[in-house]
Amino acid sequence: MSNLEAKRGGGRGRSLANAAARALGLDPNDTESRDSRGALKNPFARENDDPEAEIVPNCHIGVGSSFRGTLMIEGTLLVDGDFEGDILNCARIVVGPYGHVQADVHVREAIVAGTFDGGIQAEERILLMSGARVKGDLTASAIMIDEGVRFSGRCTMLDETLSGESAANRGTTMRST
C-alpha cells in the first residue's frame, strides 16, 4: 500500500466503503457500522461471517455528477448524483442522501436514503432510510421503511416461498399516498 493510500485510510475496497458510508450519511470512522476489516456493514446482514456483510460499490455516481442513459453493471451501484435511464444486471442499488434516481429497477436488494422516482422490484428486500423520498411501486419479500420517509405508491410484499411472476400475482398489496 502506498503512502497516499495509507493517508486515505487503506486500499481501494476501504475507500469505496468510506464513500458508501458517507453516501448513506454515516460516519466512515464509526466502528459500530464496520466489520473487522473496516468495510461498511450491510444493514441487512446477520451477525455472522457472511461475505455479504459489507457493501462495496462497483460503480459510483458522485455528488454533482449526472448520468442519463443505460447503465449495465454487475454488483453494487452507489448513486449520490443524478441518474435517469435504465439500469441492467444490477444486484444492489444504494441511493445516498444526495442521490436522485429516475428509473424502474429490478435488483436483488435496494437501499434508498435519497430520492427515487420509479418502481423498485427487489428479489430480496428494500430499505427506505429516514429522509428518503420515493414515488413509485415497491415489490419485495421484505420492505423496511424508517420513520421520516416520504413514500407515495403501492407496496407489494411477495411470499418468500413463491418466485417470479406467480409471486407478484399472489403478493399482499398496500397503498400509501
Protein backbone atom coordinates (compact mmCIF):
# COMPACT_ATOMS: atom_id res chain seq x y z
CA MET A 1 0.00 0.00 0.00
CA SER A 2 1.39 3.42 -0.94
CA ASN A 3 1.73 6.34 1.48
CA LEU A 4 -1.14 8.10 -0.30
CA GLU A 5 -3.43 5.07 0.17
CA ALA A 6 -2.42 4.85 3.83
CA LYS A 7 -3.29 8.53 4.35
CA ARG A 8 -6.69 7.97 2.73
CA GLY A 9 -7.49 5.07 5.03
CA GLY A 10 -6.46 1.96 3.12
CA GLY A 11 -6.71 0.33 -0.26
CA ARG A 12 -9.40 0.51 -2.91
CA GLY A 13 -12.00 -1.58 -1.05
CA ARG A 14 -11.73 0.55 2.06
CA SER A 15 -12.03 3.88 0.19
CA LEU A 16 -15.14 2.63 -1.63
CA ALA A 17 -16.61 1.53 1.69
CA ASN A 18 -15.87 5.00 3.07
CA ALA A 19 -17.62 6.54 0.07
CA ALA A 20 -20.64 4.29 0.65
CA ALA A 21 -20.70 5.22 4.34
CA ARG A 22 -20.61 8.93 3.52
CA ALA A 23 -23.31 8.48 0.86
CA LEU A 24 -25.58 6.87 3.43
CA GLY A 25 -24.97 9.72 5.85
CA LEU A 26 -22.86 7.53 8.17
CA ASP A 27 -19.57 8.42 9.82
CA PRO A 28 -16.88 6.46 7.91
CA ASN A 29 -14.85 6.25 11.15
CA ASP A 30 -17.74 4.77 13.18
CA THR A 31 -16.52 1.32 14.21
CA GLU A 32 -20.03 0.12 15.07
CA SER A 33 -21.07 0.30 11.39
CA ARG A 34 -17.91 -1.53 10.23
CA ASP A 35 -16.74 -5.12 10.25
CA SER A 36 -13.31 -6.27 11.48
CA ARG A 37 -11.69 -5.40 8.12
CA GLY A 38 -13.07 -1.85 8.11
CA ALA A 39 -15.66 -2.37 5.34
CA LEU A 40 -19.14 -0.83 5.63
CA LYS A 41 -21.58 -3.35 7.11
CA ASN A 42 -24.69 -4.22 5.16
CA PRO A 43 -27.74 -3.09 7.21
CA PHE A 44 -29.49 -6.34 6.19
CA ALA A 45 -26.65 -8.65 7.25
CA ARG A 46 -26.99 -11.01 10.18
CA GLU A 47 -24.29 -11.36 12.83
CA ASN A 48 -22.09 -13.96 11.12
CA ASP A 49 -19.13 -14.12 8.78
CA ASP A 50 -21.29 -13.75 5.67
CA PRO A 51 -19.34 -12.19 2.76
CA GLU A 52 -22.45 -10.08 2.06
CA ALA A 53 -21.89 -8.26 5.35
CA GLU A 54 -20.11 -5.45 3.52
CA ILE A 55 -21.20 -3.08 0.78
CA VAL A 56 -18.50 -2.32 -1.77
CA PRO A 57 -19.89 -0.49 -4.83
CA ASN A 58 -18.69 -1.47 -8.29
CA CYS A 59 -19.85 1.88 -9.69
CA HIS A 60 -20.33 5.27 -8.02
CA ILE A 61 -22.16 8.26 -9.49
CA GLY A 62 -20.84 11.01 -7.24
CA VAL A 63 -22.37 14.22 -5.89
CA GLY A 64 -22.59 16.78 -8.68
CA SER A 65 -22.45 14.09 -11.38
CA SER A 66 -25.29 13.37 -13.78
CA PHE A 67 -25.85 10.28 -15.92
CA ARG A 68 -28.59 9.73 -18.50
CA GLY A 69 -28.85 6.53 -20.48
CA THR A 70 -28.41 2.82 -19.94
CA LEU A 71 -26.01 1.53 -17.32
CA MET A 72 -25.09 -2.16 -17.28
CA ILE A 73 -23.40 -3.14 -14.03
CA GLU A 74 -22.78 -6.34 -12.12
CA GLY A 75 -22.67 -5.83 -8.38
CA THR A 76 -23.50 -2.68 -6.44
CA LEU A 77 -24.36 0.75 -7.83
CA LEU A 78 -23.98 3.74 -5.46
CA VAL A 79 -25.81 6.88 -6.61
CA ASP A 80 -25.01 10.22 -4.94
CA GLY A 81 -25.66 12.30 -8.06
CA ASP A 82 -28.46 12.25 -10.64
CA PHE A 83 -29.34 9.17 -12.69
CA GLU A 84 -32.08 8.89 -15.32
CA GLY A 85 -32.50 5.88 -17.56
CA ASP A 86 -32.18 2.11 -17.40
CA ILE A 87 -30.11 0.00 -15.03
CA LEU A 88 -29.36 -3.55 -16.18
CA ASN A 89 -27.83 -6.54 -14.33
CA CYS A 90 -27.52 -4.61 -11.06
CA ALA A 91 -27.53 -6.78 -7.92
CA ARG A 92 -27.83 -3.94 -5.41
CA ILE A 93 -28.60 -0.24 -5.73
CA VAL A 94 -27.74 2.23 -2.97
CA VAL A 95 -29.13 5.76 -3.33
CA GLY A 96 -27.31 8.11 -0.97
CA PRO A 97 -28.99 11.11 0.71
CA TYR A 98 -27.93 13.41 -2.19
CA GLY A 99 -28.78 10.88 -4.89
CA HIS A 100 -31.73 11.17 -7.28
CA VAL A 101 -32.76 8.22 -9.46
CA GLN A 102 -35.45 8.24 -12.17
CA ALA A 103 -35.78 4.62 -13.28
CA ASP A 104 -37.65 1.38 -12.87
CA VAL A 105 -35.21 -1.18 -11.48
CA HIS A 106 -35.10 -4.91 -10.83
CA VAL A 107 -32.41 -5.73 -8.28
CA ARG A 108 -31.64 -8.23 -5.55
CA GLU A 109 -31.81 -5.51 -2.87
CA ALA A 110 -32.22 -1.74 -2.68
CA ILE A 111 -31.22 0.83 -0.06
CA VAL A 112 -32.64 4.33 -0.56
CA ALA A 113 -31.68 7.37 1.53
CA GLY A 114 -32.25 9.97 -1.22
CA THR A 115 -34.88 10.47 -3.93
CA PHE A 116 -36.19 7.67 -6.13
CA ASP A 117 -38.81 8.23 -8.85
CA GLY A 118 -39.90 4.91 -10.33
CA GLY A 119 -40.59 1.35 -9.37
CA ILE A 120 -38.30 -0.87 -7.37
CA GLN A 121 -38.67 -4.62 -7.72
CA ALA A 122 -36.28 -6.47 -5.40
CA GLU A 123 -35.80 -10.22 -5.27
CA GLU A 124 -34.96 -10.00 -1.57
CA ARG A 125 -35.50 -6.68 0.24
CA ILE A 126 -35.88 -2.92 0.11
CA LEU A 127 -34.79 -0.48 2.83
CA LEU A 128 -36.05 3.11 2.79
CA MET A 129 -33.96 5.13 5.23
CA SER A 130 -35.09 8.21 7.12
CA GLY A 131 -35.21 11.23 4.79
CA ALA A 132 -35.81 9.16 1.64
CA ARG A 133 -38.43 10.34 -0.86
CA VAL A 134 -39.88 7.62 -3.06
CA LYS A 135 -42.57 7.94 -5.76
CA GLY A 136 -43.33 4.56 -7.26
CA ASP A 137 -44.30 0.99 -6.54
CA LEU A 138 -42.23 -1.27 -4.30
CA THR A 139 -42.22 -5.07 -4.68
CA ALA A 140 -40.12 -7.38 -2.48
CA SER A 141 -40.21 -10.16 0.10
CA ALA A 142 -39.12 -7.72 2.82
CA ILE A 143 -39.66 -3.96 2.85
CA MET A 144 -38.41 -1.80 5.72
CA ILE A 145 -39.47 1.84 5.91
CA ASP A 146 -37.83 4.04 8.56
CA GLU A 147 -39.61 6.90 10.28
CA GLY A 148 -39.32 10.13 8.29
CA VAL A 149 -39.64 8.55 4.82
CA ARG A 150 -41.98 10.15 2.27
CA PHE A 151 -43.44 7.35 0.16
CA SER A 152 -46.14 7.55 -2.49
CA GLY A 153 -47.05 4.37 -4.33
CA ARG A 154 -48.02 0.75 -3.82
CA CYS A 155 -46.18 -1.72 -1.66
CA THR A 156 -46.40 -5.39 -2.64
CA MET A 157 -44.99 -7.99 -0.27
CA LEU A 158 -44.02 -11.22 -2.01
CA ASP A 159 -44.44 -14.62 -0.42
CA GLU A 160 -40.88 -15.89 0.16
CA THR A 161 -41.83 -19.42 -0.87
CA LEU A 162 -43.06 -18.26 -4.27
CA SER A 163 -40.87 -16.97 -7.08
CA GLY A 164 -41.10 -14.83 -10.17
CA GLU A 165 -44.37 -13.97 -11.87
CA SER A 166 -46.65 -16.05 -9.63
CA ALA A 167 -45.25 -14.30 -6.53
CA ALA A 168 -46.19 -10.87 -7.87
CA ASN A 169 -49.71 -12.08 -8.53
CA ARG A 170 -50.14 -13.54 -5.02
CA GLY A 171 -48.48 -10.78 -3.01
CA THR A 172 -50.18 -8.56 -0.46
CA THR A 173 -50.62 -5.01 -1.70
CA MET A 174 -50.73 -1.91 0.48
CA ARG A 175 -51.27 1.61 -0.85
CA SER A 176 -49.71 4.80 0.51
CA THR A 177 -50.17 8.39 -0.63
